[in-house]
Amino acid sequence: MEKNDHGESPVAGLLLAAGGGRRLGGRPKALLPFRGRPLVEHAVRSLREGGCEQVYVVLGAAAGEVRVRAQLPDCVLVDNRRWAGGMGSSLRAGLASLTEAATHRAALLMLVDQPGIGPAAVARVRAAYRSPGTLASASYGGERGHPVLLGADHWAGIAAGATGDQGARGYLRDRARDVVLVECGDVADAYDIDTEEDLTHLEQGR
């Protein structure tokens, strides 16, 4: 596996796991049960098995409880005290932590509430990395989705536009010609866990 000047893989995993599950009765998404363990563990494992040796996890709702209940060894845990303001604040917090560390050239962005996206999709999108200027995204039938690869050259611009529930979508839309689309529909299912009805996916363990 390619290493950077610091002896580490150039692509870090960045997992946004701060959501409070407002439409799920206030149950933090990171702690939703999936295959007998907190959902956040599944997402971290997908990133690692997909080739991201270092994983940054942005926590928010019930961050203290997540730290106690979830097994997240060797992860960089980033607390976002402004998580209630929307996903944008979590993305900014994660990118700020990565920028401060200055040891990676790209971030492979995933959301904790998409358990149908596993290591195979992570590995495909990660393989699109070429340089800190790379932008790449999983594609499902031609529609852009997660995971998303964000080269370090773009972090400042993405953070500047990440407000409310707006993450990197606007930035990527404005640079659509530069985004490498990686079809993942054959290896992943990009559903979200947003409502009570969506919990059936977790109960079925898929």
Protein backbone atom coordinates (compact mmCIF):
# COMPACT_ATOMS: atom_id res chain seq x y z
CA MET A 1 0.00 0.00 0.00
CA GLU A 2 1.29 3.46 -0.94
CA LYS A 3 2.79 5.47 1.93
CA ASN A 4 3.34 9.20 2.27
CA ASP A 5 6.44 11.00 3.52
CA HIS A 6 5.44 10.21 7.09
CA GLY A 7 5.25 6.47 6.43
CA GLU A 8 1.46 6.44 6.49
CA SER A 9 -1.16 5.69 3.86
CA PRO A 10 -1.99 8.99 2.12
CA VAL A 11 -5.76 8.49 2.38
CA ALA A 12 -7.35 8.74 5.83
CA GLY A 13 -10.89 7.66 6.59
CA LEU A 14 -13.18 10.44 7.79
CA LEU A 15 -16.38 9.22 9.41
CA LEU A 16 -19.15 11.66 10.33
CA ALA A 17 -20.92 10.10 13.33
CA ALA A 18 -22.27 13.08 15.25
CA GLY A 19 -25.97 12.94 14.38
CA GLY A 20 -28.55 12.91 17.15
CA GLY A 21 -31.19 10.92 15.25
CA ARG A 22 -33.90 13.54 15.59
CA ARG A 23 -36.31 11.53 13.41
CA LEU A 24 -35.38 8.40 15.32
CA GLY A 25 -36.66 9.64 18.64
CA GLY A 26 -33.39 11.26 19.60
CA ARG A 27 -31.29 8.09 19.42
CA PRO A 28 -27.71 8.96 18.41
CA LYS A 29 -26.96 7.23 15.12
CA ALA A 30 -23.47 6.15 16.18
CA LEU A 31 -25.00 3.94 18.89
CA LEU A 32 -27.78 2.29 16.89
CA PRO A 33 -27.39 -1.49 17.20
CA PHE A 34 -26.17 -3.32 14.11
CA ARG A 35 -25.15 -6.97 14.19
CA GLY A 36 -24.91 -6.78 17.95
CA ARG A 37 -22.59 -3.77 18.13
CA PRO A 38 -22.87 0.04 17.80
CA LEU A 39 -23.26 1.17 14.19
CA VAL A 40 -20.15 3.35 14.40
CA GLU A 41 -17.97 0.25 14.79
CA HIS A 42 -19.28 -1.19 11.52
CA ALA A 43 -18.48 2.02 9.64
CA VAL A 44 -14.95 2.20 11.05
CA ARG A 45 -14.35 -1.44 10.12
CA SER A 46 -15.55 -0.76 6.56
CA LEU A 47 -13.09 2.10 6.20
CA ARG A 48 -10.19 0.10 7.58
CA GLU A 49 -10.90 -3.04 5.59
CA GLY A 50 -11.26 -0.83 2.51
CA GLY A 51 -7.69 0.42 2.92
CA CYS A 52 -7.82 3.43 5.27
CA GLU A 53 -5.28 2.64 7.96
CA GLN A 54 -6.07 5.79 9.96
CA VAL A 55 -9.65 6.73 10.67
CA TYR A 56 -10.92 10.04 12.06
CA VAL A 57 -14.34 9.82 13.70
CA VAL A 58 -16.34 12.99 14.34
CA LEU A 59 -18.59 12.59 17.39
CA GLY A 60 -21.35 14.87 18.61
CA ALA A 61 -24.60 13.60 20.13
CA ALA A 62 -23.84 11.49 23.23
CA ALA A 63 -20.11 11.67 22.45
CA GLY A 64 -19.20 10.57 25.97
CA GLU A 65 -21.45 7.54 25.75
CA VAL A 66 -20.07 6.61 22.35
CA ARG A 67 -16.54 6.72 23.75
CA VAL A 68 -17.56 4.32 26.53
CA ARG A 69 -19.74 1.88 24.60
CA ALA A 70 -18.05 1.68 21.20
CA GLN A 71 -14.71 0.01 20.61
CA LEU A 72 -12.76 2.40 18.42
CA PRO A 73 -9.10 1.54 19.00
CA ASP A 74 -6.51 3.74 17.31
CA CYS A 75 -9.15 6.05 15.84
CA VAL A 76 -8.70 9.80 16.10
CA LEU A 77 -11.86 10.94 17.89
CA VAL A 78 -12.92 14.49 17.09
CA ASP A 79 -15.57 16.13 19.27
CA ASN A 80 -17.94 18.49 17.48
CA ARG A 81 -19.73 20.48 20.14
CA ARG A 82 -21.75 22.25 17.44
CA TRP A 83 -23.14 19.02 15.98
CA ALA A 84 -26.75 20.18 16.38
CA GLY A 85 -26.07 22.82 13.71
CA GLY A 86 -25.94 20.17 11.00
CA MET A 87 -23.59 17.91 9.10
CA GLY A 88 -21.57 20.84 7.78
CA SER A 89 -20.15 21.57 11.22
CA SER A 90 -19.00 17.95 11.57
CA LEU A 91 -17.30 18.01 8.19
CA ARG A 92 -15.53 21.24 9.12
CA ALA A 93 -14.38 19.73 12.43
CA GLY A 94 -13.06 16.62 10.74
CA LEU A 95 -11.21 18.49 8.03
CA ALA A 96 -9.75 20.87 10.62
CA SER A 97 -8.37 17.91 12.57
CA LEU A 98 -6.88 16.39 9.44
CA THR A 99 -5.37 19.72 8.43
CA GLU A 100 -3.80 20.15 11.85
CA ALA A 101 -2.32 16.65 11.75
CA ALA A 102 -0.82 17.34 8.29
CA THR A 103 -0.07 13.65 7.72
CA HIS A 104 -2.55 12.75 4.98
CA ARG A 105 -3.13 13.88 1.41
CA ALA A 106 -6.79 12.95 1.08
CA ALA A 107 -9.83 12.03 3.16
CA LEU A 108 -12.25 9.21 2.32
CA LEU A 109 -15.55 10.59 3.64
CA MET A 110 -18.31 8.30 4.92
CA LEU A 111 -21.51 8.79 6.91
CA VAL A 112 -22.27 6.54 9.88
CA ASP A 113 -25.89 5.99 8.84
CA GLN A 114 -25.16 4.13 5.59
CA PRO A 115 -24.31 0.58 6.70
CA GLY A 116 -24.99 -0.81 3.22
CA ILE A 117 -21.72 0.75 2.10
CA GLY A 118 -18.88 -1.61 2.99
CA PRO A 119 -15.19 -2.23 2.35
CA ALA A 120 -15.61 -3.02 -1.36
CA ALA A 121 -17.00 0.45 -2.15
CA VAL A 122 -14.41 2.09 0.10
CA ALA A 123 -11.59 0.29 -1.70
CA ARG A 124 -12.90 1.25 -5.15
CA VAL A 125 -13.17 4.94 -4.35
CA ARG A 126 -9.89 4.97 -2.45
CA ALA A 127 -8.17 3.52 -5.51
CA ALA A 128 -9.09 6.67 -7.45
CA TYR A 129 -6.57 8.69 -5.42
CA ARG A 130 -3.81 10.17 -7.54
CA SER A 131 -2.74 13.37 -5.78
CA PRO A 132 -3.92 15.95 -3.20
CA GLY A 133 -5.93 17.46 -6.05
CA THR A 134 -8.07 14.35 -6.53
CA LEU A 135 -11.85 14.48 -6.17
CA ALA A 136 -13.72 11.18 -6.51
CA SER A 137 -17.08 9.81 -5.53
CA ALA A 138 -18.97 6.56 -5.48
CA SER A 139 -21.68 6.45 -8.10
CA TYR A 140 -24.93 4.51 -7.99
CA GLY A 141 -26.48 4.21 -11.43
CA GLY A 142 -24.77 7.45 -12.42
CA GLU A 143 -25.87 9.34 -9.30
CA ARG A 144 -23.13 10.61 -7.00
CA GLY A 145 -23.13 9.21 -3.45
CA HIS A 146 -20.81 8.10 -0.65
CA PRO A 147 -18.04 7.42 0.02
CA VAL A 148 -16.34 10.52 -1.34
CA LEU A 149 -12.60 11.10 -1.76
CA LEU A 150 -11.51 14.65 -0.97
CA GLY A 151 -7.93 15.59 -1.82
CA ALA A 152 -6.21 17.87 0.67
CA ASP A 153 -5.95 20.69 -1.85
CA HIS A 154 -9.73 21.04 -1.59
CA TRP A 155 -10.21 20.87 2.18
CA ALA A 156 -10.19 24.63 2.81
CA GLY A 157 -12.68 25.30 0.02
CA ILE A 158 -14.97 22.49 1.14
CA ALA A 159 -14.90 23.67 4.75
CA ALA A 160 -15.77 27.21 3.69
CA GLY A 161 -18.96 25.98 2.04
CA ALA A 162 -19.96 23.44 4.68
CA THR A 163 -22.83 25.10 6.53
CA GLY A 164 -25.99 23.69 8.06
CA ASP A 165 -26.68 20.27 6.53
CA GLN A 166 -24.63 21.19 3.47
CA GLY A 167 -21.46 19.12 3.42
CA ALA A 168 -19.29 18.84 0.32
CA ARG A 169 -22.24 18.55 -2.08
CA GLY A 170 -22.14 22.12 -3.37
CA TYR A 171 -18.37 22.11 -3.79
CA LEU A 172 -18.49 18.86 -5.75
CA ARG A 173 -21.42 20.06 -7.85
CA ASP A 174 -19.51 23.18 -8.87
CA ARG A 175 -16.55 21.00 -9.92
CA ALA A 176 -18.51 18.14 -11.44
CA ARG A 177 -16.11 17.87 -14.39
CA ASP A 178 -13.21 17.24 -12.00
CA VAL A 179 -14.95 14.54 -9.93
CA VAL A 180 -14.05 10.97 -10.87
CA LEU A 181 -17.18 8.82 -10.57
CA VAL A 182 -16.62 5.25 -9.41
CA GLU A 183 -19.59 2.94 -9.95
CA CYS A 184 -20.37 1.02 -6.75
CA GLY A 185 -23.97 -0.03 -7.28
CA ASP A 186 -22.93 -3.65 -7.71
CA VAL A 187 -21.12 -3.83 -4.35
CA ALA A 188 -23.00 -1.43 -2.08
CA ASP A 189 -26.48 -0.23 -1.18
CA ALA A 190 -26.52 3.49 -0.38
CA TYR A 191 -29.63 3.73 1.80
CA ASP A 192 -29.72 6.02 4.86
CA ILE A 193 -30.94 5.29 8.37
CA ASP A 194 -33.09 8.38 8.90
CA THR A 195 -36.53 7.22 10.03
CA GLU A 196 -38.13 4.52 12.16
CA GLU A 197 -38.98 2.62 8.97
CA ASP A 198 -35.31 2.59 7.98
CA LEU A 199 -34.41 0.68 11.14
CA THR A 200 -35.60 -2.52 9.45
CA HIS A 201 -32.28 -2.52 7.56
CA LEU A 202 -30.41 -2.69 10.85
CA GLU A 203 -32.72 -5.32 12.29
CA GLN A 204 -32.09 -7.48 9.23
CA GLY A 205 -28.36 -6.99 9.66
CA ARG A 206 -27.79 -5.61 6.18
